[in-house]
Amino acid sequence: MRDISYPPVILAAKTAFRLLGQRIVMTGTEHVPRRGGVLLACNHVSYVDFIYGGLAANPSGRLVRFMAKREIFDHPVGGPVMRSMHHIEVDRGEGLASFHQAVDYLRAGEAVGIFPEATISRALVLKEFKTGAVRIAAEAGVPVLPVVLWGTQRMLTKDHPRDLSRGKTIAIRVGEPLHPTGADPVAETATLKSAMGDLLDQTIRAYPPQEQPPGSWWLPASYGGGAPSLEEAARMDAEEKRRRAERKARHQQGD
C-alpha cells in the first residue's frame, strides 16, 4: 500500500510531541510483529487516541490503519487526510463495508487499529465492548493486540476544555497477542476486555503520581479521581445521544 502523506504526518506529530514537552512511555511494543496482519485494539479516552495509538506500532516500523467514524471522513480537511493514510471509514448505522475492508487490509498484511468501546469512555475505565474486534481478527486469521493509552484524556476529551500545556506523560502499553477463533465472539470479547482491563490498571498505577493527584478529573472514580462512574457516564452518554438525535431531527425539518 503506497503511503505518501502518512510518514510526514507521523514526523509532524512527533515534532508536536517534542514541542509540548511530552514524555512518551511505551511498554510491550515488542509484541507488535514487524510484518503480517495484526489488529490493535485500543481503549478510548480522548479525541487524539488514534494519533498516539499508532505509536505502539512505530518501533516495529508499522503504519496503523485506524477504523474511524464516518463524520471524520466527512470533514473537508480531515476527510482527505484520513483517506490519504488509508484509514477505514465506519458507518455506525451500517458497518458491514468497514468490516470487510478491515478484513481485506489484514489479509493483505496490514496493521489495523480499532476501538472496541466505539466511543470515548467518560468514566476513563473500560466501558462495554463491541464484538467487532474479535470477529474481524477471526475472519482475517490474525492476532489481536490489546493496547492501552493513558494521559491523552488530559489533552482533549469530552466535557473538558482542551489543554495543550507542556510536560504531560503519555503512557502506551501493549499486551501479549490474543488469537480469536470466532467460535464464541462474546466470550472472546470478554477475554479481550479482561486483558485490556489488566493493562489499564497497570498503566494507571505506574503513571507518575504527581501528575494524577487524588481528585483529579482525569483519574477514574475507582482510583480516587473525579471522573464519573460508569453508571453516571452511561447516563451522560444517553443524554448526549438524545440531544444529537434532536439536532438531527431539527436539521432535517429545516431541509
C-alpha atoms as a PDB file:
ATOM      1  CA  MET A   1       0.000   0.000   0.000  1.00  0.00           C
ATOM      2  CA  ARG A   2       1.523   3.285  -1.125  1.00  0.00           C
ATOM      3  CA  ASP A   3       1.950   5.933   1.575  1.00  0.00           C
ATOM      4  CA  ILE A   4       2.840   9.492   0.658  1.00  0.00           C
ATOM      5  CA  SER A   5       1.195  11.538   3.401  1.00  0.00           C
ATOM      6  CA  TYR A   6       1.409   9.146   6.369  1.00  0.00           C
ATOM      7  CA  PRO A   7       5.201   9.419   7.066  1.00  0.00           C
ATOM      8  CA  PRO A   8       5.163  13.244   7.035  1.00  0.00           C
ATOM      9  CA  VAL A   9       2.118  13.227   9.347  1.00  0.00           C
ATOM     10  CA  ILE A  10       3.997  10.997  11.794  1.00  0.00           C
ATOM     11  CA  LEU A  11       7.022  13.291  11.638  1.00  0.00           C
ATOM     12  CA  ALA A  12       4.822  16.326  12.293  1.00  0.00           C
ATOM     13  CA  ALA A  13       3.143  14.547  15.221  1.00  0.00           C
ATOM     14  CA  LYS A  14       6.480  13.637  16.801  1.00  0.00           C
ATOM     15  CA  THR A  15       7.626  17.235  16.396  1.00  0.00           C
ATOM     16  CA  ALA A  16       4.456  18.388  18.151  1.00  0.00           C
ATOM     17  CA  PHE A  17       5.082  15.925  20.989  1.00  0.00           C
ATOM     18  CA  ARG A  18       8.559  17.414  21.494  1.00  0.00           C
ATOM     19  CA  LEU A  19       7.261  20.982  21.369  1.00  0.00           C
ATOM     20  CA  LEU A  20       4.688  20.052  24.001  1.00  0.00           C
ATOM     21  CA  GLY A  21       7.433  18.586  26.161  1.00  0.00           C
ATOM     22  CA  GLN A  22       5.619  15.284  26.375  1.00  0.00           C
ATOM     23  CA  ARG A  23       7.185  12.211  27.906  1.00  0.00           C
ATOM     24  CA  ILE A  24       6.055   9.214  25.831  1.00  0.00           C
ATOM     25  CA  VAL A  25       6.428   5.990  27.838  1.00  0.00           C
ATOM     26  CA  MET A  26       5.910   2.839  25.774  1.00  0.00           C
ATOM     27  CA  THR A  27       5.837  -0.693  27.155  1.00  0.00           C
ATOM     28  CA  GLY A  28       5.382  -4.019  25.370  1.00  0.00           C
ATOM     29  CA  THR A  29       5.868  -2.686  21.839  1.00  0.00           C
ATOM     30  CA  GLU A  30       7.934  -5.795  21.079  1.00  0.00           C
ATOM     31  CA  HIS A  31       4.611  -7.645  20.792  1.00  0.00           C
ATOM     32  CA  VAL A  32       3.839  -5.796  17.548  1.00  0.00           C
ATOM     33  CA  PRO A  33       5.070  -8.021  14.686  1.00  0.00           C
ATOM     34  CA  ARG A  34       7.234  -6.435  12.016  1.00  0.00           C
ATOM     35  CA  ARG A  35       5.200  -7.963   9.231  1.00  0.00           C
ATOM     36  CA  GLY A  36       1.875  -9.670   8.645  1.00  0.00           C
ATOM     37  CA  GLY A  37      -1.668  -8.711   9.501  1.00  0.00           C
ATOM     38  CA  VAL A  38      -2.335  -7.631  13.089  1.00  0.00           C
ATOM     39  CA  LEU A  39      -5.257  -5.882  14.775  1.00  0.00           C
ATOM     40  CA  LEU A  40      -4.506  -3.351  17.522  1.00  0.00           C
ATOM     41  CA  ALA A  41      -7.428  -2.960  19.949  1.00  0.00           C
ATOM     42  CA  CYS A  42      -7.136   0.329  21.867  1.00  0.00           C
ATOM     43  CA  ASN A  43      -9.043   1.826  24.760  1.00  0.00           C
ATOM     44  CA  HIS A  44     -10.691   5.172  24.071  1.00  0.00           C
ATOM     45  CA  VAL A  45     -10.327   8.107  26.469  1.00  0.00           C
ATOM     46  CA  SER A  46      -9.727  11.080  24.161  1.00  0.00           C
ATOM     47  CA  TYR A  47     -10.181  12.571  20.714  1.00  0.00           C
ATOM     48  CA  VAL A  48      -6.464  12.127  19.938  1.00  0.00           C
ATOM     49  CA  ASP A  49      -6.164   8.421  20.743  1.00  0.00           C
ATOM     50  CA  PHE A  50      -5.717   7.353  17.125  1.00  0.00           C
ATOM     51  CA  ILE A  51      -2.656   9.616  16.886  1.00  0.00           C
ATOM     52  CA  TYR A  52      -0.970   8.101  19.928  1.00  0.00           C
ATOM     53  CA  GLY A  53      -2.312   4.586  19.363  1.00  0.00           C
ATOM     54  CA  GLY A  54      -0.358   4.413  16.128  1.00  0.00           C
ATOM     55  CA  LEU A  55       2.865   4.976  18.078  1.00  0.00           C
ATOM     56  CA  ALA A  56       2.523   1.484  19.537  1.00  0.00           C
ATOM     57  CA  ALA A  57       3.488   0.059  16.141  1.00  0.00           C
ATOM     58  CA  ASN A  58       6.151   2.644  15.349  1.00  0.00           C
ATOM     59  CA  PRO A  59       9.126   0.725  16.855  1.00  0.00           C
ATOM     60  CA  SER A  60       8.202  -2.183  14.556  1.00  0.00           C
ATOM     61  CA  GLY A  61       8.114   0.106  11.541  1.00  0.00           C
ATOM     62  CA  ARG A  62       4.384  -0.362  11.010  1.00  0.00           C
ATOM     63  CA  LEU A  63       1.721   2.109   9.903  1.00  0.00           C
ATOM     64  CA  VAL A  64      -1.679   1.541  11.510  1.00  0.00           C
ATOM     65  CA  ARG A  65      -4.904   1.925   9.522  1.00  0.00           C
ATOM     66  CA  PHE A  66      -7.482   3.025  12.085  1.00  0.00           C
ATOM     67  CA  MET A  67     -11.189   2.393  11.870  1.00  0.00           C
ATOM     68  CA  ALA A  68     -12.857   5.765  12.497  1.00  0.00           C
ATOM     69  CA  LYS A  69     -16.375   7.139  12.374  1.00  0.00           C
ATOM     70  CA  ARG A  70     -17.741   8.482   9.115  1.00  0.00           C
ATOM     71  CA  GLU A  71     -18.126  12.033  10.474  1.00  0.00           C
ATOM     72  CA  ILE A  72     -14.322  12.458  10.462  1.00  0.00           C
ATOM     73  CA  PHE A  73     -14.207  11.488   6.796  1.00  0.00           C
ATOM     74  CA  ASP A  74     -16.993  13.979   6.041  1.00  0.00           C
ATOM     75  CA  HIS A  75     -14.811  16.871   7.231  1.00  0.00           C
ATOM     76  CA  PRO A  76     -13.473  18.937   4.302  1.00  0.00           C
ATOM     77  CA  VAL A  77      -9.907  18.803   5.661  1.00  0.00           C
ATOM     78  CA  GLY A  78      -9.868  15.731   7.870  1.00  0.00           C
ATOM     79  CA  GLY A  79     -11.555  13.506   5.297  1.00  0.00           C
ATOM     80  CA  PRO A  80      -8.911  13.775   2.551  1.00  0.00           C
ATOM     81  CA  VAL A  81      -6.131  13.392   5.121  1.00  0.00           C
ATOM     82  CA  MET A  82      -7.704  10.256   6.602  1.00  0.00           C
ATOM     83  CA  ARG A  83      -8.206   8.728   3.160  1.00  0.00           C
ATOM     84  CA  SER A  84      -4.641   9.536   2.119  1.00  0.00           C
ATOM     85  CA  MET A  85      -3.421   7.489   5.103  1.00  0.00           C
ATOM     86  CA  HIS A  86      -5.753   4.621   4.161  1.00  0.00           C
ATOM     87  CA  HIS A  87      -7.763   4.705   7.372  1.00  0.00           C
ATOM     88  CA  ILE A  88     -11.104   2.914   7.334  1.00  0.00           C
ATOM     89  CA  GLU A  89     -14.407   4.779   7.330  1.00  0.00           C
ATOM     90  CA  VAL A  90     -17.024   3.328   9.683  1.00  0.00           C
ATOM     91  CA  ASP A  91     -20.733   3.966   9.259  1.00  0.00           C
ATOM     92  CA  ARG A  92     -22.245   3.180  12.655  1.00  0.00           C
ATOM     93  CA  GLY A  93     -25.605   2.511  11.055  1.00  0.00           C
ATOM     94  CA  GLU A  94     -24.172   0.011   8.560  1.00  0.00           C
ATOM     95  CA  GLY A  95     -20.806  -1.408   9.492  1.00  0.00           C
ATOM     96  CA  LEU A  96     -20.584  -4.291   7.042  1.00  0.00           C
ATOM     97  CA  ALA A  97     -18.483  -2.422   4.471  1.00  0.00           C
ATOM     98  CA  SER A  98     -15.909  -1.347   7.059  1.00  0.00           C
ATOM     99  CA  PHE A  99     -15.823  -4.901   8.471  1.00  0.00           C
ATOM    100  CA  HIS A 100     -14.913  -6.317   5.067  1.00  0.00           C
ATOM    101  CA  GLN A 101     -12.410  -3.552   4.343  1.00  0.00           C
ATOM    102  CA  ALA A 102     -10.638  -4.203   7.651  1.00  0.00           C
ATOM    103  CA  VAL A 103     -10.523  -7.928   6.921  1.00  0.00           C
ATOM    104  CA  ASP A 104      -9.121  -7.253   3.442  1.00  0.00           C
ATOM    105  CA  TYR A 105      -6.433  -4.969   4.871  1.00  0.00           C
ATOM    106  CA  LEU A 106      -5.438  -7.562   7.471  1.00  0.00           C
ATOM    107  CA  ARG A 107      -5.297 -10.370   4.938  1.00  0.00           C
ATOM    108  CA  ALA A 108      -3.039  -8.144   2.836  1.00  0.00           C
ATOM    109  CA  GLY A 109      -0.645  -7.916   5.799  1.00  0.00           C
ATOM    110  CA  GLU A 110      -1.623  -4.500   7.141  1.00  0.00           C
ATOM    111  CA  ALA A 111      -1.811  -3.339  10.772  1.00  0.00           C
ATOM    112  CA  VAL A 112      -5.338  -2.143  11.607  1.00  0.00           C
ATOM    113  CA  GLY A 113      -6.431  -0.198  14.684  1.00  0.00           C
ATOM    114  CA  ILE A 114      -9.851  -0.438  16.309  1.00  0.00           C
ATOM    115  CA  PHE A 115     -11.569   0.968  19.413  1.00  0.00           C
ATOM    116  CA  PRO A 116     -13.775  -1.841  20.799  1.00  0.00           C
ATOM    117  CA  GLU A 117     -15.657   0.649  23.010  1.00  0.00           C
ATOM    118  CA  ALA A 118     -16.624   2.557  19.828  1.00  0.00           C
ATOM    119  CA  THR A 119     -16.909   5.877  21.700  1.00  0.00           C
ATOM    120  CA  ILE A 120     -14.903   7.734  24.333  1.00  0.00           C
ATOM    121  CA  SER A 121     -15.294   6.499  27.899  1.00  0.00           C
ATOM    122  CA  ARG A 122     -16.237   9.421  30.113  1.00  0.00           C
ATOM    123  CA  ALA A 123     -15.539   7.190  33.139  1.00  0.00           C
ATOM    124  CA  LEU A 124     -11.984   6.674  31.790  1.00  0.00           C
ATOM    125  CA  VAL A 125     -12.242   2.959  32.538  1.00  0.00           C
ATOM    126  CA  LEU A 126     -13.345   0.369  30.003  1.00  0.00           C
ATOM    127  CA  LYS A 127     -16.987   0.556  29.013  1.00  0.00           C
ATOM    128  CA  GLU A 128     -18.940  -2.090  27.130  1.00  0.00           C
ATOM    129  CA  PHE A 129     -17.047  -3.658  24.221  1.00  0.00           C
ATOM    130  CA  LYS A 130     -18.466  -4.378  20.789  1.00  0.00           C
ATOM    131  CA  THR A 131     -17.650  -7.818  19.368  1.00  0.00           C
ATOM    132  CA  GLY A 132     -16.336  -6.401  16.094  1.00  0.00           C
ATOM    133  CA  ALA A 133     -12.652  -6.609  17.043  1.00  0.00           C
ATOM    134  CA  VAL A 134     -12.591 -10.345  17.689  1.00  0.00           C
ATOM    135  CA  ARG A 135     -14.897 -11.078  14.742  1.00  0.00           C
ATOM    136  CA  ILE A 136     -12.656  -9.121  12.352  1.00  0.00           C
ATOM    137  CA  ALA A 137      -9.486 -10.787  13.668  1.00  0.00           C
ATOM    138  CA  ALA A 138     -11.047 -14.258  13.490  1.00  0.00           C
ATOM    139  CA  GLU A 139     -12.311 -13.691   9.944  1.00  0.00           C
ATOM    140  CA  ALA A 140      -8.891 -12.458   8.808  1.00  0.00           C
ATOM    141  CA  GLY A 141      -6.980 -15.083  10.779  1.00  0.00           C
ATOM    142  CA  VAL A 142      -4.746 -12.572  12.577  1.00  0.00           C
ATOM    143  CA  PRO A 143      -3.872 -11.874  16.223  1.00  0.00           C
ATOM    144  CA  VAL A 144      -5.381  -9.109  18.331  1.00  0.00           C
ATOM    145  CA  LEU A 145      -3.025  -6.984  20.397  1.00  0.00           C
ATOM    146  CA  PRO A 146      -4.545  -5.234  23.435  1.00  0.00           C
ATOM    147  CA  VAL A 147      -3.279  -1.639  23.626  1.00  0.00           C
ATOM    148  CA  VAL A 148      -3.887   0.827  26.433  1.00  0.00           C
ATOM    149  CA  LEU A 149      -3.404   4.589  26.272  1.00  0.00           C
ATOM    150  CA  TRP A 150      -3.256   6.840  29.321  1.00  0.00           C
ATOM    151  CA  GLY A 151      -2.696  10.565  29.683  1.00  0.00           C
ATOM    152  CA  THR A 152      -4.258  11.508  26.336  1.00  0.00           C
ATOM    153  CA  GLN A 153      -7.506  12.373  28.152  1.00  0.00           C
ATOM    154  CA  ARG A 154      -5.693  15.255  29.820  1.00  0.00           C
ATOM    155  CA  MET A 155      -5.288  16.915  26.411  1.00  0.00           C
ATOM    156  CA  LEU A 156      -8.627  16.652  24.636  1.00  0.00           C
ATOM    157  CA  THR A 157     -11.667  14.673  25.756  1.00  0.00           C
ATOM    158  CA  LYS A 158     -15.377  15.044  26.338  1.00  0.00           C
ATOM    159  CA  ASP A 159     -16.757  17.621  28.795  1.00  0.00           C
ATOM    160  CA  HIS A 160     -13.402  19.332  29.435  1.00  0.00           C
ATOM    161  CA  PRO A 161     -11.541  22.202  27.731  1.00  0.00           C
ATOM    162  CA  ARG A 162      -8.555  21.461  25.539  1.00  0.00           C
ATOM    163  CA  ASP A 163      -5.273  21.511  27.452  1.00  0.00           C
ATOM    164  CA  LEU A 164      -2.079  21.615  25.395  1.00  0.00           C
ATOM    165  CA  SER A 165       0.135  22.732  28.246  1.00  0.00           C
ATOM    166  CA  ARG A 166       3.616  21.257  28.356  1.00  0.00           C
ATOM    167  CA  GLY A 167       5.080  18.369  30.290  1.00  0.00           C
ATOM    168  CA  LYS A 168       2.419  15.670  30.223  1.00  0.00           C
ATOM    169  CA  THR A 169       3.275  11.979  30.358  1.00  0.00           C
ATOM    170  CA  ILE A 170       1.579   9.824  27.727  1.00  0.00           C
ATOM    171  CA  ALA A 171       1.693   6.107  28.519  1.00  0.00           C
ATOM    172  CA  ILE A 172       1.216   3.408  25.876  1.00  0.00           C
ATOM    173  CA  ARG A 173       1.185  -0.238  26.917  1.00  0.00           C
ATOM    174  CA  VAL A 174       0.880  -3.221  24.566  1.00  0.00           C
ATOM    175  CA  GLY A 175      -0.132  -6.659  25.798  1.00  0.00           C
ATOM    176  CA  GLU A 176       0.530 -10.145  24.502  1.00  0.00           C
ATOM    177  CA  PRO A 177      -1.365 -11.252  21.387  1.00  0.00           C
ATOM    178  CA  LEU A 178      -4.725 -12.976  21.580  1.00  0.00           C
ATOM    179  CA  HIS A 179      -5.903 -15.353  18.862  1.00  0.00           C
ATOM    180  CA  PRO A 180      -9.705 -15.260  18.431  1.00  0.00           C
ATOM    181  CA  THR A 181     -11.265 -18.142  16.521  1.00  0.00           C
ATOM    182  CA  GLY A 182     -14.749 -16.689  16.124  1.00  0.00           C
ATOM    183  CA  ALA A 183     -16.289 -19.736  17.810  1.00  0.00           C
ATOM    184  CA  ASP A 184     -17.695 -17.589  20.632  1.00  0.00           C
ATOM    185  CA  PRO A 185     -17.293 -13.844  19.910  1.00  0.00           C
ATOM    186  CA  VAL A 186     -18.959 -12.823  23.184  1.00  0.00           C
ATOM    187  CA  ALA A 187     -16.584 -14.913  25.306  1.00  0.00           C
ATOM    188  CA  GLU A 188     -13.568 -13.877  23.251  1.00  0.00           C
ATOM    189  CA  THR A 189     -14.566 -10.229  23.586  1.00  0.00           C
ATOM    190  CA  ALA A 190     -14.772 -10.710  27.359  1.00  0.00           C
ATOM    191  CA  THR A 191     -11.234 -12.145  27.277  1.00  0.00           C
ATOM    192  CA  LEU A 192     -10.002  -9.132  25.311  1.00  0.00           C
ATOM    193  CA  LYS A 193     -11.677  -6.716  27.695  1.00  0.00           C
ATOM    194  CA  SER A 194     -10.190  -8.524  30.709  1.00  0.00           C
ATOM    195  CA  ALA A 195      -6.698  -8.342  29.197  1.00  0.00           C
ATOM    196  CA  MET A 196      -7.109  -4.634  28.466  1.00  0.00           C
ATOM    197  CA  GLY A 197      -8.529  -4.031  31.930  1.00  0.00           C
ATOM    198  CA  ASP A 198      -5.427  -5.548  33.500  1.00  0.00           C
ATOM    199  CA  LEU A 199      -3.192  -3.430  31.252  1.00  0.00           C
ATOM    200  CA  LEU A 200      -5.128  -0.281  32.108  1.00  0.00           C
ATOM    201  CA  ASP A 201      -4.828  -0.969  35.834  1.00  0.00           C
ATOM    202  CA  GLN A 202      -1.062  -1.482  35.493  1.00  0.00           C
ATOM    203  CA  THR A 203      -0.728   1.688  33.444  1.00  0.00           C
ATOM    204  CA  ILE A 204      -2.713   3.885  35.829  1.00  0.00           C
ATOM    205  CA  ARG A 205      -0.773   2.584  38.833  1.00  0.00           C
ATOM    206  CA  ALA A 206       2.568   3.146  37.081  1.00  0.00           C
ATOM    207  CA  TYR A 207       1.678   6.677  35.960  1.00  0.00           C
ATOM    208  CA  PRO A 208       3.597   9.472  37.754  1.00  0.00           C
ATOM    209  CA  PRO A 209       1.563  10.164  40.927  1.00  0.00           C
ATOM    210  CA  GLN A 210       2.416  13.863  40.820  1.00  0.00           C
ATOM    211  CA  GLU A 211       0.542  14.049  37.503  1.00  0.00           C
ATOM    212  CA  GLN A 212      -2.655  12.469  38.802  1.00  0.00           C
ATOM    213  CA  PRO A 213      -3.212  13.537  42.421  1.00  0.00           C
ATOM    214  CA  PRO A 214      -6.349  12.290  44.202  1.00  0.00           C
ATOM    215  CA  GLY A 215      -9.445  14.100  42.999  1.00  0.00           C
ATOM    216  CA  SER A 216      -8.067  14.811  39.518  1.00  0.00           C
ATOM    217  CA  TRP A 217     -10.865  14.860  36.955  1.00  0.00           C
ATOM    218  CA  TRP A 218      -8.709  12.777  34.595  1.00  0.00           C
ATOM    219  CA  LEU A 219      -8.488   9.921  37.138  1.00  0.00           C
ATOM    220  CA  PRO A 220     -11.272   7.288  37.403  1.00  0.00           C
ATOM    221  CA  ALA A 221     -13.520   7.405  40.451  1.00  0.00           C
ATOM    222  CA  SER A 222     -12.402   3.894  41.437  1.00  0.00           C
ATOM    223  CA  TYR A 223      -8.838   5.231  41.754  1.00  0.00           C
ATOM    224  CA  GLY A 224      -9.828   8.223  43.878  1.00  0.00           C
ATOM    225  CA  GLY A 225     -10.331  10.602  40.973  1.00  0.00           C
ATOM    226  CA  GLY A 226     -13.124  12.910  39.923  1.00  0.00           C
ATOM    227  CA  ALA A 227     -14.237  11.161  36.726  1.00  0.00           C
ATOM    228  CA  PRO A 228     -17.851   9.972  36.675  1.00  0.00           C
ATOM    229  CA  SER A 229     -18.661   6.367  37.481  1.00  0.00           C
ATOM    230  CA  LEU A 230     -19.579   4.008  34.641  1.00  0.00           C
ATOM    231  CA  GLU A 231     -23.250   4.394  35.600  1.00  0.00           C
ATOM    232  CA  GLU A 232     -23.049   8.201  35.624  1.00  0.00           C
ATOM    233  CA  ALA A 233     -21.135   8.156  32.352  1.00  0.00           C
ATOM    234  CA  ALA A 234     -23.798   5.933  30.769  1.00  0.00           C
ATOM    235  CA  ARG A 235     -26.477   8.475  31.709  1.00  0.00           C
ATOM    236  CA  MET A 236     -24.374  11.280  30.222  1.00  0.00           C
ATOM    237  CA  ASP A 237     -23.864   9.274  27.033  1.00  0.00           C
ATOM    238  CA  ALA A 238     -27.603   8.659  26.735  1.00  0.00           C
ATOM    239  CA  GLU A 239     -28.327  12.365  27.182  1.00  0.00           C
ATOM    240  CA  GLU A 240     -25.731  13.268  24.568  1.00  0.00           C
ATOM    241  CA  LYS A 241     -27.266  10.765  22.145  1.00  0.00           C
ATOM    242  CA  ARG A 242     -30.720  12.232  22.769  1.00  0.00           C
ATOM    243  CA  ARG A 243     -29.503  15.784  22.087  1.00  0.00           C
ATOM    244  CA  ARG A 244     -27.730  14.647  18.913  1.00  0.00           C
ATOM    245  CA  ALA A 245     -30.918  12.977  17.673  1.00  0.00           C
ATOM    246  CA  GLU A 246     -32.901  16.156  18.362  1.00  0.00           C
ATOM    247  CA  ARG A 247     -30.396  18.299  16.452  1.00  0.00           C
ATOM    248  CA  LYS A 248     -30.501  15.878  13.527  1.00  0.00           C
ATOM    249  CA  ALA A 249     -34.332  15.967  13.502  1.00  0.00           C
ATOM    250  CA  ARG A 250     -34.336  19.782  13.548  1.00  0.00           C
ATOM    251  CA  HIS A 251     -31.829  19.879  10.723  1.00  0.00           C
ATOM    252  CA  GLN A 252     -33.917  17.508   8.626  1.00  0.00           C
ATOM    253  CA  GLN A 253     -37.029  19.578   9.280  1.00  0.00           C
ATOM    254  CA  GLY A 254     -35.131  22.652   8.155  1.00  0.00           C
ATOM    255  CA  ASP A 255     -34.330  20.955   4.872  1.00  0.00           C
END
